[in-house]
Amino acid sequence: MRSAKVLYKNEETGIITQNDDGSFSFRYHSNWLEDSQKPSISLTLPKSTDVYSSKFLFPFFYNMLPEGTNKQMACAFHRIDPEDYFGLLMNTANIDSIGAVRIIKI
């Protein structure tokens, strides 16, 4: 099992986890849910007390991954299998992400 913090504008919103069976889960922290001024990180992941589950990396997070030559370079540099999307996400979306969401490896 691997987990990472999900930050929105440098504030921790929740945790994304890759489970031992390869599936994924995401949950918001209760303090993020309780604050009505805090937005959802994505339209596809609205604020909810439910734990989101998926057999595949959630499209919102998958779309944060580099593609093409940038993906090849990142995989070679970090020594990551090109099919290890979660590993790639944790190593590339921590400082070099477009938008307000970042991923920090736990």
PDB file of N, CA and C in Angstrom:
ATOM      1  N   MET A   1       0.840  -1.173   0.000  1.00  0.00           N
ATOM      2  CA  MET A   1       0.000   0.000   0.000  1.00  0.00           C
ATOM      3  C   MET A   1       0.888   1.240   0.000  1.00  0.00           C
ATOM      4  N   ARG A   2       0.543   2.184  -0.868  1.00  0.00           N
ATOM      5  CA  ARG A   2       1.274   3.459  -0.922  1.00  0.00           C
ATOM      6  C   ARG A   2       0.264   4.586  -0.807  1.00  0.00           C
ATOM      7  N   SER A   3       0.654   5.651  -0.121  1.00  0.00           N
ATOM      8  CA  SER A   3      -0.247   6.783   0.074  1.00  0.00           C
ATOM      9  C   SER A   3       0.468   8.089  -0.185  1.00  0.00           C
ATOM     10  N   ALA A   4      -0.342   9.111  -0.495  1.00  0.00           N
ATOM     11  CA  ALA A   4       0.196  10.446  -0.712  1.00  0.00           C
ATOM     12  C   ALA A   4      -0.819  11.478  -0.239  1.00  0.00           C
ATOM     13  N   LYS A   5      -0.300  12.595   0.228  1.00  0.00           N
ATOM     14  CA  LYS A   5      -1.155  13.719   0.618  1.00  0.00           C
ATOM     15  C   LYS A   5      -1.581  14.453  -0.645  1.00  0.00           C
ATOM     16  N   VAL A   6      -2.814  14.921  -0.639  1.00  0.00           N
ATOM     17  CA  VAL A   6      -3.316  15.750  -1.733  1.00  0.00           C
ATOM     18  C   VAL A   6      -3.464  17.164  -1.185  1.00  0.00           C
ATOM     19  N   LEU A   7      -2.761  18.117  -1.810  1.00  0.00           N
ATOM     20  CA  LEU A   7      -2.797  19.499  -1.366  1.00  0.00           C
ATOM     21  C   LEU A   7      -3.506  20.364  -2.388  1.00  0.00           C
ATOM     22  N   TYR A   8      -4.307  21.299  -1.905  1.00  0.00           N
ATOM     23  CA  TYR A   8      -4.952  22.306  -2.744  1.00  0.00           C
ATOM     24  C   TYR A   8      -4.462  23.660  -2.257  1.00  0.00           C
ATOM     25  N   LYS A   9      -3.758  24.374  -3.108  1.00  0.00           N
ATOM     26  CA  LYS A   9      -3.145  25.659  -2.736  1.00  0.00           C
ATOM     27  C   LYS A   9      -2.353  25.519  -1.439  1.00  0.00           C
ATOM     28  N   ASN A  10      -1.563  24.456  -1.375  1.00  0.00           N
ATOM     29  CA  ASN A  10      -0.661  24.162  -0.260  1.00  0.00           C
ATOM     30  C   ASN A  10      -1.360  23.830   1.054  1.00  0.00           C
ATOM     31  N   GLU A  11      -2.656  23.526   1.011  1.00  0.00           N
ATOM     32  CA  GLU A  11      -3.379  23.058   2.193  1.00  0.00           C
ATOM     33  C   GLU A  11      -3.778  21.608   1.962  1.00  0.00           C
ATOM     34  N   GLU A  12      -3.534  20.764   2.948  1.00  0.00           N
ATOM     35  CA  GLU A  12      -3.834  19.350   2.795  1.00  0.00           C
ATOM     36  C   GLU A  12      -5.341  19.119   2.779  1.00  0.00           C
ATOM     37  N   THR A  13      -5.810  18.484   1.712  1.00  0.00           N
ATOM     38  CA  THR A  13      -7.244  18.230   1.548  1.00  0.00           C
ATOM     39  C   THR A  13      -7.622  16.795   1.879  1.00  0.00           C
ATOM     40  N   GLY A  14      -6.725  15.858   1.606  1.00  0.00           N
ATOM     41  CA  GLY A  14      -7.058  14.460   1.818  1.00  0.00           C
ATOM     42  C   GLY A  14      -5.887  13.556   1.488  1.00  0.00           C
ATOM     43  N   ILE A  15      -6.208  12.274   1.355  1.00  0.00           N
ATOM     44  CA  ILE A  15      -5.204  11.239   1.112  1.00  0.00           C
ATOM     45  C   ILE A  15      -5.641  10.379  -0.065  1.00  0.00           C
ATOM     46  N   ILE A  16      -4.703  10.139  -0.980  1.00  0.00           N
ATOM     47  CA  ILE A  16      -4.933   9.165  -2.045  1.00  0.00           C
ATOM     48  C   ILE A  16      -4.048   7.959  -1.749  1.00  0.00           C
ATOM     49  N   THR A  17      -4.617   6.769  -1.944  1.00  0.00           N
ATOM     50  CA  THR A  17      -3.917   5.532  -1.610  1.00  0.00           C
ATOM     51  C   THR A  17      -4.021   4.547  -2.755  1.00  0.00           C
ATOM     52  N   GLN A  18      -2.899   3.879  -3.037  1.00  0.00           N
ATOM     53  CA  GLN A  18      -2.933   2.726  -3.927  1.00  0.00           C
ATOM     54  C   GLN A  18      -2.891   1.508  -3.011  1.00  0.00           C
ATOM     55  N   ASN A  19      -3.942   0.716  -3.054  1.00  0.00           N
ATOM     56  CA  ASN A  19      -4.064  -0.459  -2.201  1.00  0.00           C
ATOM     57  C   ASN A  19      -3.214  -1.608  -2.739  1.00  0.00           C
ATOM     58  N   ASP A  20      -3.035  -2.623  -1.931  1.00  0.00           N
ATOM     59  CA  ASP A  20      -2.198  -3.762  -2.303  1.00  0.00           C
ATOM     60  C   ASP A  20      -2.698  -4.490  -3.547  1.00  0.00           C
ATOM     61  N   ASP A  21      -4.008  -4.437  -3.809  1.00  0.00           N
ATOM     62  CA  ASP A  21      -4.557  -5.103  -4.999  1.00  0.00           C
ATOM     63  C   ASP A  21      -4.474  -4.237  -6.251  1.00  0.00           C
ATOM     64  N   GLY A  22      -3.866  -3.046  -6.136  1.00  0.00           N
ATOM     65  CA  GLY A  22      -3.703  -2.149  -7.280  1.00  0.00           C
ATOM     66  C   GLY A  22      -4.814  -1.136  -7.435  1.00  0.00           C
ATOM     67  N   SER A  23      -5.884  -1.264  -6.648  1.00  0.00           N
ATOM     68  CA  SER A  23      -6.983  -0.302  -6.718  1.00  0.00           C
ATOM     69  C   SER A  23      -6.595   0.985  -5.971  1.00  0.00           C
ATOM     70  N   PHE A  24      -7.416   2.001  -6.132  1.00  0.00           N
ATOM     71  CA  PHE A  24      -7.130   3.306  -5.546  1.00  0.00           C
ATOM     72  C   PHE A  24      -8.291   3.781  -4.679  1.00  0.00           C
ATOM     73  N   SER A  25      -7.963   4.595  -3.695  1.00  0.00           N
ATOM     74  CA  SER A  25      -8.997   5.235  -2.887  1.00  0.00           C
ATOM     75  C   SER A  25      -8.561   6.667  -2.589  1.00  0.00           C
ATOM     76  N   PHE A  26      -9.560   7.513  -2.419  1.00  0.00           N
ATOM     77  CA  PHE A  26      -9.309   8.903  -2.050  1.00  0.00           C
ATOM     78  C   PHE A  26     -10.343   9.297  -1.011  1.00  0.00           C
ATOM     79  N   ARG A  27      -9.883   9.995   0.022  1.00  0.00           N
ATOM     80  CA  ARG A  27     -10.804  10.513   1.031  1.00  0.00           C
ATOM     81  C   ARG A  27     -10.362  11.911   1.440  1.00  0.00           C
ATOM     82  N   TYR A  28     -11.362  12.744   1.657  1.00  0.00           N
ATOM     83  CA  TYR A  28     -11.105  14.095   2.158  1.00  0.00           C
ATOM     84  C   TYR A  28     -10.907  14.041   3.668  1.00  0.00           C
ATOM     85  N   HIS A  29     -10.089  14.935   4.198  1.00  0.00           N
ATOM     86  CA  HIS A  29      -9.951  15.089   5.642  1.00  0.00           C
ATOM     87  C   HIS A  29     -11.206  15.754   6.189  1.00  0.00           C
ATOM     88  N   SER A  30     -11.574  15.414   7.392  1.00  0.00           N
ATOM     89  CA  SER A  30     -12.801  15.949   7.996  1.00  0.00           C
ATOM     90  C   SER A  30     -12.752  17.473   8.133  1.00  0.00           C
ATOM     91  N   ASN A  31     -11.590  18.035   8.455  1.00  0.00           N
ATOM     92  CA  ASN A  31     -11.510  19.494   8.601  1.00  0.00           C
ATOM     93  C   ASN A  31     -11.735  20.204   7.267  1.00  0.00           C
ATOM     94  N   TRP A  32     -11.382  19.551   6.153  1.00  0.00           N
ATOM     95  CA  TRP A  32     -11.628  20.134   4.827  1.00  0.00           C
ATOM     96  C   TRP A  32     -13.126  20.085   4.520  1.00  0.00           C
ATOM     97  N   LEU A  33     -13.753  18.990   4.883  1.00  0.00           N
ATOM     98  CA  LEU A  33     -15.184  18.824   4.629  1.00  0.00           C
ATOM     99  C   LEU A  33     -16.022  19.787   5.467  1.00  0.00           C
ATOM    100  N   GLU A  34     -15.595  20.041   6.683  1.00  0.00           N
ATOM    101  CA  GLU A  34     -16.361  20.887   7.604  1.00  0.00           C
ATOM    102  C   GLU A  34     -16.331  22.359   7.223  1.00  0.00           C
ATOM    103  N   ASP A  35     -15.332  22.791   6.493  1.00  0.00           N
ATOM    104  CA  ASP A  35     -15.206  24.194   6.106  1.00  0.00           C
ATOM    105  C   ASP A  35     -15.931  24.428   4.777  1.00  0.00           C
ATOM    106  N   SER A  36     -17.041  25.126   4.817  1.00  0.00           N
ATOM    107  CA  SER A  36     -17.851  25.344   3.614  1.00  0.00           C
ATOM    108  C   SER A  36     -17.149  26.236   2.587  1.00  0.00           C
ATOM    109  N   GLN A  37     -16.111  26.938   3.000  1.00  0.00           N
ATOM    110  CA  GLN A  37     -15.363  27.794   2.080  1.00  0.00           C
ATOM    111  C   GLN A  37     -14.345  27.016   1.254  1.00  0.00           C
ATOM    112  N   LYS A  38     -14.045  25.795   1.678  1.00  0.00           N
ATOM    113  CA  LYS A  38     -13.058  24.971   0.972  1.00  0.00           C
ATOM    114  C   LYS A  38     -13.737  24.239  -0.182  1.00  0.00           C
ATOM    115  N   PRO A  39     -13.168  24.321  -1.384  1.00  0.00           N
ATOM    116  CA  PRO A  39     -13.794  23.681  -2.542  1.00  0.00           C
ATOM    117  C   PRO A  39     -13.410  22.203  -2.679  1.00  0.00           C
ATOM    118  N   SER A  40     -14.135  21.521  -3.531  1.00  0.00           N
ATOM    119  CA  SER A  40     -13.734  20.176  -3.949  1.00  0.00           C
ATOM    120  C   SER A  40     -12.483  20.328  -4.802  1.00  0.00           C
ATOM    121  N   ILE A  41     -11.658  19.306  -4.844  1.00  0.00           N
ATOM    122  CA  ILE A  41     -10.467  19.396  -5.687  1.00  0.00           C
ATOM    123  C   ILE A  41     -10.814  19.192  -7.153  1.00  0.00           C
ATOM    124  N   SER A  42     -11.984  18.578  -7.412  1.00  0.00           N
ATOM    125  CA  SER A  42     -12.380  18.253  -8.782  1.00  0.00           C
ATOM    126  C   SER A  42     -13.897  18.102  -8.844  1.00  0.00           C
ATOM    127  N   LEU A  43     -14.465  18.363 -10.015  1.00  0.00           N
ATOM    128  CA  LEU A  43     -15.892  18.120 -10.201  1.00  0.00           C
ATOM    129  C   LEU A  43     -16.220  16.634 -10.088  1.00  0.00           C
ATOM    130  N   THR A  44     -15.260  15.789 -10.440  1.00  0.00           N
ATOM    131  CA  THR A  44     -15.485  14.343 -10.380  1.00  0.00           C
ATOM    132  C   THR A  44     -15.227  13.764  -8.994  1.00  0.00           C
ATOM    133  N   LEU A  45     -14.697  14.576  -8.085  1.00  0.00           N
ATOM    134  CA  LEU A  45     -14.467  14.159  -6.698  1.00  0.00           C
ATOM    135  C   LEU A  45     -15.066  15.212  -5.762  1.00  0.00           C
ATOM    136  N   PRO A  46     -16.405  15.355  -5.771  1.00  0.00           N
ATOM    137  CA  PRO A  46     -17.024  16.373  -4.912  1.00  0.00           C
ATOM    138  C   PRO A  46     -16.799  16.064  -3.435  1.00  0.00           C
ATOM    139  N   LYS A  47     -16.856  17.104  -2.620  1.00  0.00           N
ATOM    140  CA  LYS A  47     -16.667  16.920  -1.184  1.00  0.00           C
ATOM    141  C   LYS A  47     -17.708  15.938  -0.655  1.00  0.00           C
ATOM    142  N   SER A  48     -17.231  14.921   0.051  1.00  0.00           N
ATOM    143  CA  SER A  48     -18.101  13.886   0.588  1.00  0.00           C
ATOM    144  C   SER A  48     -17.369  13.157   1.706  1.00  0.00           C
ATOM    145  N   THR A  49     -18.132  12.658   2.659  1.00  0.00           N
ATOM    146  CA  THR A  49     -17.535  11.851   3.724  1.00  0.00           C
ATOM    147  C   THR A  49     -17.232  10.443   3.229  1.00  0.00           C
ATOM    148  N   ASP A  50     -17.796  10.077   2.085  1.00  0.00           N
ATOM    149  CA  ASP A  50     -17.543   8.758   1.506  1.00  0.00           C
ATOM    150  C   ASP A  50     -16.100   8.654   1.033  1.00  0.00           C
ATOM    151  N   VAL A  51     -15.583   7.447   1.035  1.00  0.00           N
ATOM    152  CA  VAL A  51     -14.267   7.172   0.459  1.00  0.00           C
ATOM    153  C   VAL A  51     -14.488   6.820  -1.003  1.00  0.00           C
ATOM    154  N   TYR A  52     -13.821   7.520  -1.888  1.00  0.00           N
ATOM    155  CA  TYR A  52     -13.913   7.225  -3.314  1.00  0.00           C
ATOM    156  C   TYR A  52     -12.999   6.043  -3.620  1.00  0.00           C
ATOM    157  N   SER A  53     -13.493   5.108  -4.421  1.00  0.00           N
ATOM    158  CA  SER A  53     -12.714   3.927  -4.778  1.00  0.00           C
ATOM    159  C   SER A  53     -12.755   3.717  -6.278  1.00  0.00           C
ATOM    160  N   SER A  54     -11.655   3.189  -6.812  1.00  0.00           N
ATOM    161  CA  SER A  54     -11.569   2.926  -8.242  1.00  0.00           C
ATOM    162  C   SER A  54     -10.546   1.826  -8.501  1.00  0.00           C
ATOM    163  N   LYS A  55     -10.802   1.022  -9.518  1.00  0.00           N
ATOM    164  CA  LYS A  55      -9.837   0.001  -9.930  1.00  0.00           C
ATOM    165  C   LYS A  55      -8.643   0.638 -10.638  1.00  0.00           C
ATOM    166  N   PHE A  56      -8.837   1.856 -11.144  1.00  0.00           N
ATOM    167  CA  PHE A  56      -7.808   2.574 -11.892  1.00  0.00           C
ATOM    168  C   PHE A  56      -7.555   3.916 -11.228  1.00  0.00           C
ATOM    169  N   LEU A  57      -6.417   4.510 -11.528  1.00  0.00           N
ATOM    170  CA  LEU A  57      -6.116   5.843 -11.015  1.00  0.00           C
ATOM    171  C   LEU A  57      -7.217   6.795 -11.474  1.00  0.00           C
ATOM    172  N   PHE A  58      -7.764   7.558 -10.559  1.00  0.00           N
ATOM    173  CA  PHE A  58      -8.858   8.475 -10.867  1.00  0.00           C
ATOM    174  C   PHE A  58      -8.460   9.387 -12.031  1.00  0.00           C
ATOM    175  N   PRO A  59      -9.371   9.619 -12.981  1.00  0.00           N
ATOM    176  CA  PRO A  59      -9.034  10.456 -14.146  1.00  0.00           C
ATOM    177  C   PRO A  59      -8.454  11.822 -13.771  1.00  0.00           C
ATOM    178  N   PHE A  60      -8.962  12.429 -12.701  1.00  0.00           N
ATOM    179  CA  PHE A  60      -8.432  13.729 -12.276  1.00  0.00           C
ATOM    180  C   PHE A  60      -6.931  13.651 -12.017  1.00  0.00           C
ATOM    181  N   PHE A  61      -6.504  12.608 -11.313  1.00  0.00           N
ATOM    182  CA  PHE A  61      -5.085  12.450 -10.993  1.00  0.00           C
ATOM    183  C   PHE A  61      -4.296  11.963 -12.206  1.00  0.00           C
ATOM    184  N   TYR A  62      -4.891  11.080 -12.990  1.00  0.00           N
ATOM    185  CA  TYR A  62      -4.219  10.573 -14.190  1.00  0.00           C
ATOM    186  C   TYR A  62      -3.873  11.725 -15.138  1.00  0.00           C
ATOM    187  N   ASN A  63      -4.759  12.710 -15.228  1.00  0.00           N
ATOM    188  CA  ASN A  63      -4.531  13.846 -16.123  1.00  0.00           C
ATOM    189  C   ASN A  63      -3.437  14.786 -15.627  1.00  0.00           C
ATOM    190  N   MET A  64      -2.935  14.561 -14.432  1.00  0.00           N
ATOM    191  CA  MET A  64      -1.812  15.345 -13.918  1.00  0.00           C
ATOM    192  C   MET A  64      -0.467  14.767 -14.361  1.00  0.00           C
ATOM    193  N   LEU A  65      -0.486  13.581 -14.961  1.00  0.00           N
ATOM    194  CA  LEU A  65       0.754  12.905 -15.342  1.00  0.00           C
ATOM    195  C   LEU A  65       1.352  13.477 -16.616  1.00  0.00           C
ATOM    196  N   PRO A  66       2.681  13.473 -16.700  1.00  0.00           N
ATOM    197  CA  PRO A  66       3.323  13.891 -17.950  1.00  0.00           C
ATOM    198  C   PRO A  66       3.064  12.859 -19.040  1.00  0.00           C
ATOM    199  N   GLU A  67       3.176  13.306 -20.279  1.00  0.00           N
ATOM    200  CA  GLU A  67       2.951  12.418 -21.419  1.00  0.00           C
ATOM    201  C   GLU A  67       4.134  12.482 -22.366  1.00  0.00           C
ATOM    202  N   GLY A  68       4.181  11.515 -23.280  1.00  0.00           N
ATOM    203  CA  GLY A  68       5.170  11.524 -24.354  1.00  0.00           C
ATOM    204  C   GLY A  68       6.595  11.541 -23.854  1.00  0.00           C
ATOM    205  N   THR A  69       7.387  12.422 -24.461  1.00  0.00           N
ATOM    206  CA  THR A  69       8.802  12.530 -24.121  1.00  0.00           C
ATOM    207  C   THR A  69       9.003  12.931 -22.665  1.00  0.00           C
ATOM    208  N   ASN A  70       8.147  13.820 -22.159  1.00  0.00           N
ATOM    209  CA  ASN A  70       8.274  14.225 -20.753  1.00  0.00           C
ATOM    210  C   ASN A  70       8.075  13.037 -19.819  1.00  0.00           C
ATOM    211  N   LYS A  71       7.136  12.157 -20.150  1.00  0.00           N
ATOM    212  CA  LYS A  71       6.915  10.961 -19.339  1.00  0.00           C
ATOM    213  C   LYS A  71       8.132  10.046 -19.397  1.00  0.00           C
ATOM    214  N   GLN A  72       8.664   9.847 -20.599  1.00  0.00           N
ATOM    215  CA  GLN A  72       9.839   8.986 -20.751  1.00  0.00           C
ATOM    216  C   GLN A  72      11.011   9.515 -19.942  1.00  0.00           C
ATOM    217  N   MET A  73      11.221  10.825 -19.999  1.00  0.00           N
ATOM    218  CA  MET A  73      12.328  11.434 -19.260  1.00  0.00           C
ATOM    219  C   MET A  73      12.117  11.307 -17.751  1.00  0.00           C
ATOM    220  N   ALA A  74      10.890  11.559 -17.292  1.00  0.00           N
ATOM    221  CA  ALA A  74      10.596  11.470 -15.856  1.00  0.00           C
ATOM    222  C   ALA A  74      10.770  10.043 -15.359  1.00  0.00           C
ATOM    223  N   CYS A  75      10.296   9.076 -16.133  1.00  0.00           N
ATOM    224  CA  CYS A  75      10.439   7.666 -15.740  1.00  0.00           C
ATOM    225  C   CYS A  75      11.911   7.258 -15.674  1.00  0.00           C
ATOM    226  N   ALA A  76      12.693   7.687 -16.649  1.00  0.00           N
ATOM    227  CA  ALA A  76      14.118   7.361 -16.652  1.00  0.00           C
ATOM    228  C   ALA A  76      14.829   8.035 -15.478  1.00  0.00           C
ATOM    229  N   PHE A  77      14.539   9.296 -15.240  1.00  0.00           N
ATOM    230  CA  PHE A  77      15.193  10.048 -14.176  1.00  0.00           C
ATOM    231  C   PHE A  77      14.874   9.468 -12.804  1.00  0.00           C
ATOM    232  N   HIS A  78      13.605   9.150 -12.566  1.00  0.00           N
ATOM    233  CA  HIS A  78      13.173   8.645 -11.256  1.00  0.00           C
ATOM    234  C   HIS A  78      13.224   7.121 -11.158  1.00  0.00           C
ATOM    235  N   ARG A  79      13.621   6.467 -12.281  1.00  0.00           N
ATOM    236  CA  ARG A  79      13.679   5.003 -12.346  1.00  0.00           C
ATOM    237  C   ARG A  79      12.340   4.374 -11.987  1.00  0.00           C
ATOM    238  N   ILE A  80      11.317   4.827 -12.706  1.00  0.00           N
ATOM    239  CA  ILE A  80       9.945   4.368 -12.493  1.00  0.00           C
ATOM    240  C   ILE A  80       9.479   3.618 -13.734  1.00  0.00           C
ATOM    241  N   ASP A  81       8.797   2.519 -13.523  1.00  0.00           N
ATOM    242  CA  ASP A  81       8.175   1.785 -14.625  1.00  0.00           C
ATOM    243  C   ASP A  81       7.125   2.692 -15.271  1.00  0.00           C
ATOM    244  N   PRO A  82       7.112   2.819 -16.592  1.00  0.00           N
ATOM    245  CA  PRO A  82       6.127   3.683 -17.264  1.00  0.00           C
ATOM    246  C   PRO A  82       4.669   3.320 -16.971  1.00  0.00           C
ATOM    247  N   GLU A  83       4.425   2.097 -16.505  1.00  0.00           N
ATOM    248  CA  GLU A  83       3.062   1.679 -16.159  1.00  0.00           C
ATOM    249  C   GLU A  83       2.717   1.947 -14.690  1.00  0.00           C
ATOM    250  N   ASP A  84       3.681   2.448 -13.917  1.00  0.00           N
ATOM    251  CA  ASP A  84       3.459   2.766 -12.505  1.00  0.00           C
ATOM    252  C   ASP A  84       2.956   4.200 -12.399  1.00  0.00           C
ATOM    253  N   TYR A  85       1.675   4.372 -12.678  1.00  0.00           N
ATOM    254  CA  TYR A  85       1.095   5.712 -12.712  1.00  0.00           C
ATOM    255  C   TYR A  85       1.131   6.396 -11.349  1.00  0.00           C
ATOM    256  N   PHE A  86       0.911   5.631 -10.290  1.00  0.00           N
ATOM    257  CA  PHE A  86       0.924   6.243  -8.960  1.00  0.00           C
ATOM    258  C   PHE A  86       2.331   6.685  -8.581  1.00  0.00           C
ATOM    259  N   GLY A  87       3.322   5.867  -8.890  1.00  0.00           N
ATOM    260  CA  GLY A  87       4.708   6.258  -8.639  1.00  0.00           C
ATOM    261  C   GLY A  87       5.087   7.504  -9.414  1.00  0.00           C
ATOM    262  N   LEU A  88       4.652   7.554 -10.652  1.00  0.00           N
ATOM    263  CA  LEU A  88       4.913   8.727 -11.483  1.00  0.00           C
ATOM    264  C   LEU A  88       4.213   9.957 -10.923  1.00  0.00           C
ATOM    265  N   LEU A  89       2.974   9.787 -10.480  1.00  0.00           N
ATOM    266  CA  LEU A  89       2.219  10.897  -9.889  1.00  0.00           C
ATOM    267  C   LEU A  89       2.930  11.442  -8.655  1.00  0.00           C
ATOM    268  N   MET A  90       3.365  10.548  -7.777  1.00  0.00           N
ATOM    269  CA  MET A  90       4.018  10.994  -6.538  1.00  0.00           C
ATOM    270  C   MET A  90       5.349  11.687  -6.804  1.00  0.00           C
ATOM    271  N   ASN A  91       6.021  11.307  -7.874  1.00  0.00           N
ATOM    272  CA  ASN A  91       7.334  11.887  -8.150  1.00  0.00           C
ATOM    273  C   ASN A  91       7.298  13.121  -9.038  1.00  0.00           C
ATOM    274  N   THR A  92       6.212  13.350  -9.733  1.00  0.00           N
ATOM    275  CA  THR A  92       6.179  14.500 -10.636  1.00  0.00           C
ATOM    276  C   THR A  92       5.177  15.580 -10.229  1.00  0.00           C
ATOM    277  N   ALA A  93       4.141  15.224  -9.481  1.00  0.00           N
ATOM    278  CA  ALA A  93       3.109  16.212  -9.139  1.00  0.00           C
ATOM    279  C   ALA A  93       3.347  16.860  -7.782  1.00  0.00           C
ATOM    280  N   ASN A  94       4.537  16.685  -7.241  1.00  0.00           N
ATOM    281  CA  ASN A  94       4.824  17.302  -5.946  1.00  0.00           C
ATOM    282  C   ASN A  94       5.255  18.764  -6.090  1.00  0.00           C
ATOM    283  N   ILE A  95       6.021  19.074  -7.110  1.00  0.00           N
ATOM    284  CA  ILE A  95       6.447  20.467  -7.295  1.00  0.00           C
ATOM    285  C   ILE A  95       6.139  20.975  -8.696  1.00  0.00           C
ATOM    286  N   ASP A  96       5.981  20.066  -9.633  1.00  0.00           N
ATOM    287  CA  ASP A  96       5.797  20.460 -11.028  1.00  0.00           C
ATOM    288  C   ASP A  96       4.403  20.069 -11.506  1.00  0.00           C
ATOM    289  N   SER A  97       3.396  20.788 -11.019  1.00  0.00           N
ATOM    290  CA  SER A  97       2.028  20.479 -11.442  1.00  0.00           C
ATOM    291  C   SER A  97       1.354  21.747 -11.951  1.00  0.00           C
ATOM    292  N   ILE A  98       0.431  21.535 -12.855  1.00  0.00           N
ATOM    293  CA  ILE A  98      -0.342  22.654 -13.389  1.00  0.00           C
ATOM    294  C   ILE A  98      -1.598  22.767 -12.548  1.00  0.00           C
ATOM    295  N   GLY A  99      -1.904  23.950 -12.088  1.00  0.00           N
ATOM    296  CA  GLY A  99      -3.098  24.141 -11.281  1.00  0.00           C
ATOM    297  C   GLY A  99      -2.778  24.193  -9.805  1.00  0.00           C
ATOM    298  N   ALA A 100      -3.825  24.087  -9.002  1.00  0.00           N
ATOM    299  CA  ALA A 100      -3.708  24.296  -7.563  1.00  0.00           C
ATOM    300  C   ALA A 100      -3.435  23.027  -6.775  1.00  0.00           C
ATOM    301  N   VAL A 101      -3.512  21.847  -7.423  1.00  0.00           N
ATOM    302  CA  VAL A 101      -3.379  20.581  -6.702  1.00  0.00           C
ATOM    303  C   VAL A 101      -1.964  20.021  -6.847  1.00  0.00           C
ATOM    304  N   ARG A 102      -1.420  19.596  -5.701  1.00  0.00           N
ATOM    305  CA  ARG A 102      -0.106  18.930  -5.684  1.00  0.00           C
ATOM    306  C   ARG A 102      -0.249  17.625  -4.920  1.00  0.00           C
ATOM    307  N   ILE A 103       0.676  16.708  -5.161  1.00  0.00           N
ATOM    308  CA  ILE A 103       0.689  15.403  -4.516  1.00  0.00           C
ATOM    309  C   ILE A 103       2.028  15.252  -3.782  1.00  0.00           C
ATOM    310  N   ILE A 104       1.960  14.933  -2.502  1.00  0.00           N
ATOM    311  CA  ILE A 104       3.170  14.781  -1.693  1.00  0.00           C
ATOM    312  C   ILE A 104       3.214  13.352  -1.155  1.00  0.00           C
ATOM    313  N   LYS A 105       4.265  12.636  -1.498  1.00  0.00           N
ATOM    314  CA  LYS A 105       4.446  11.250  -1.045  1.00  0.00           C
ATOM    315  C   LYS A 105       4.538  11.202   0.484  1.00  0.00           C
ATOM    316  N   ILE A 106       3.868  10.226   1.055  1.00  0.00           N
ATOM    317  CA  ILE A 106       3.931  10.043   2.530  1.00  0.00           C
ATOM    318  C   ILE A 106       5.048   9.046   2.813  1.00  0.00           C
TER     319      ILE A 106
END
